[in-house]
Amino acid sequence: MKTFTYDIAIKSIGSTKDDVKVVQFGNGYQQRQPKGLAPRLENWQVSKIGTKAKIDEIKTFLDEHSVKPFLWRVTSDEPLKKYVAKGISRSPQGGRKWSLSWTMEQVLA
């Protein structure tokens, strides 16, 4: 399995999604139960600005991993986790600079 090693923008935004089954009873009482083995998975909205050659290189990596997962860690002190790339878009920024944006969606398999 390949590892994503490219630098990304510092302003990347991470969020978690809780996959929880909720049963609502009268008087406001709820029972909550996690679904599956990992009810909390991460999504990261990330971007990169660079030369067209670098952006194309990263986009090629991401295009290969829209179904097949890759390894990535948010910071150097965190464990590697599996992700797939979703919603990949790129645009020229003027001169030789290009922008690439995408979402890293955590997966288990």
Protein backbone atom coordinates (compact mmCIF):
# COMPACT_ATOMS: atom_id res chain seq x y z
CA MET A 1 0.00 0.00 0.00
CA LYS A 2 1.37 3.41 -0.99
CA THR A 3 1.82 6.28 1.46
CA PHE A 4 0.83 9.88 0.71
CA THR A 5 3.98 11.89 1.51
CA TYR A 6 3.27 15.26 -0.12
CA ASP A 7 3.03 18.46 1.91
CA ILE A 8 -0.44 19.99 2.09
CA ALA A 9 -1.74 23.41 3.09
CA ILE A 10 -1.56 24.25 6.78
CA LYS A 11 -5.20 25.41 6.70
CA SER A 12 -6.54 21.92 5.98
CA ILE A 13 -9.75 21.14 7.83
CA GLY A 14 -10.48 17.82 9.51
CA SER A 15 -13.87 16.60 10.63
CA THR A 16 -15.27 13.40 12.07
CA LYS A 17 -18.46 11.60 11.28
CA ASP A 18 -20.14 9.49 13.95
CA ASP A 19 -22.02 6.50 12.63
CA VAL A 20 -24.41 5.96 15.51
CA LYS A 21 -27.89 4.46 15.66
CA VAL A 22 -30.24 6.57 17.77
CA VAL A 23 -33.58 5.38 19.12
CA GLN A 24 -35.76 8.18 20.45
CA PHE A 25 -38.27 7.40 23.21
CA GLY A 26 -40.81 9.59 24.92
CA ASN A 27 -39.81 12.23 27.48
CA GLY A 28 -36.62 13.00 25.51
CA TYR A 29 -34.89 9.71 26.38
CA GLN A 30 -32.48 8.35 23.76
CA GLN A 31 -30.51 5.18 23.36
CA ARG A 32 -27.37 5.48 21.23
CA GLN A 33 -25.38 2.60 19.83
CA PRO A 34 -22.33 2.70 17.56
CA LYS A 35 -22.71 1.06 14.15
CA GLY A 36 -19.94 -1.24 12.95
CA LEU A 37 -16.37 -1.64 14.12
CA ALA A 38 -15.32 2.01 13.83
CA PRO A 39 -18.21 4.40 14.36
CA ARG A 40 -15.97 7.48 14.08
CA LEU A 41 -14.07 8.13 10.86
CA GLU A 42 -12.19 11.24 9.73
CA ASN A 43 -12.50 13.38 6.61
CA TRP A 44 -9.90 16.00 5.68
CA GLN A 45 -10.52 18.83 3.23
CA VAL A 46 -7.05 19.60 1.92
CA SER A 47 -5.39 21.69 -0.75
CA LYS A 48 -2.01 22.29 -2.30
CA ILE A 49 -0.64 25.14 -4.40
CA GLY A 50 2.37 24.46 -6.57
CA THR A 51 3.77 24.21 -10.07
CA LYS A 52 1.68 22.43 -12.67
CA ALA A 53 4.20 19.56 -12.69
CA LYS A 54 3.89 19.03 -8.91
CA ILE A 55 0.09 19.38 -8.97
CA ASP A 56 -0.13 16.87 -11.84
CA GLU A 57 2.10 14.45 -9.89
CA ILE A 58 -0.13 14.66 -6.80
CA LYS A 59 -3.31 14.43 -8.89
CA THR A 60 -2.02 11.25 -10.55
CA PHE A 61 -1.46 9.73 -7.09
CA LEU A 62 -4.95 10.77 -5.95
CA ASP A 63 -6.62 9.54 -9.15
CA GLU A 64 -5.10 6.10 -8.49
CA HIS A 65 -6.54 6.12 -4.98
CA SER A 66 -10.19 7.08 -5.38
CA VAL A 67 -11.14 3.45 -4.67
CA LYS A 68 -7.89 1.81 -3.58
CA PRO A 69 -6.81 3.18 -0.16
CA PHE A 70 -3.49 4.80 0.68
CA LEU A 71 -1.77 5.52 3.99
CA TRP A 72 -1.50 9.03 5.45
CA ARG A 73 -0.91 10.67 8.81
CA VAL A 74 -2.10 14.11 9.81
CA THR A 75 1.04 14.93 11.80
CA SER A 76 4.31 13.09 12.23
CA ASP A 77 3.38 11.93 15.74
CA GLU A 78 0.08 10.30 14.70
CA PRO A 79 -0.33 6.76 13.38
CA LEU A 80 -0.80 6.04 9.68
CA LYS A 81 -4.45 5.56 8.71
CA LYS A 82 -6.11 4.43 5.48
CA TYR A 83 -7.79 7.01 3.23
CA VAL A 84 -9.25 7.36 -0.25
CA ALA A 85 -9.34 10.57 -2.31
CA LYS A 86 -12.70 12.15 -3.22
CA GLY A 87 -13.79 15.32 -5.01
CA ILE A 88 -10.49 16.11 -6.71
CA SER A 89 -10.37 19.49 -8.46
CA ARG A 90 -7.57 21.68 -9.82
CA SER A 91 -7.39 25.18 -11.22
CA PRO A 92 -4.76 27.61 -12.53
CA GLN A 93 -3.81 30.39 -10.12
CA GLY A 94 -1.92 32.58 -12.56
CA GLY A 95 1.66 32.44 -13.68
CA ARG A 96 3.07 28.99 -13.08
CA LYS A 97 1.00 28.25 -9.98
CA TRP A 98 -1.87 25.76 -9.82
CA SER A 99 -4.23 24.80 -7.01
CA LEU A 100 -5.39 21.28 -6.19
CA SER A 101 -8.19 20.54 -3.68
CA TRP A 102 -9.67 17.24 -2.52
CA THR A 103 -11.11 15.35 0.42
CA MET A 104 -9.29 12.52 2.18
CA GLU A 105 -11.92 10.11 3.48
CA GLN A 106 -10.82 7.59 6.09
CA VAL A 107 -11.69 3.95 5.34
CA LEU A 108 -11.15 0.67 7.15
CA ALA A 109 -10.34 -1.65 4.25
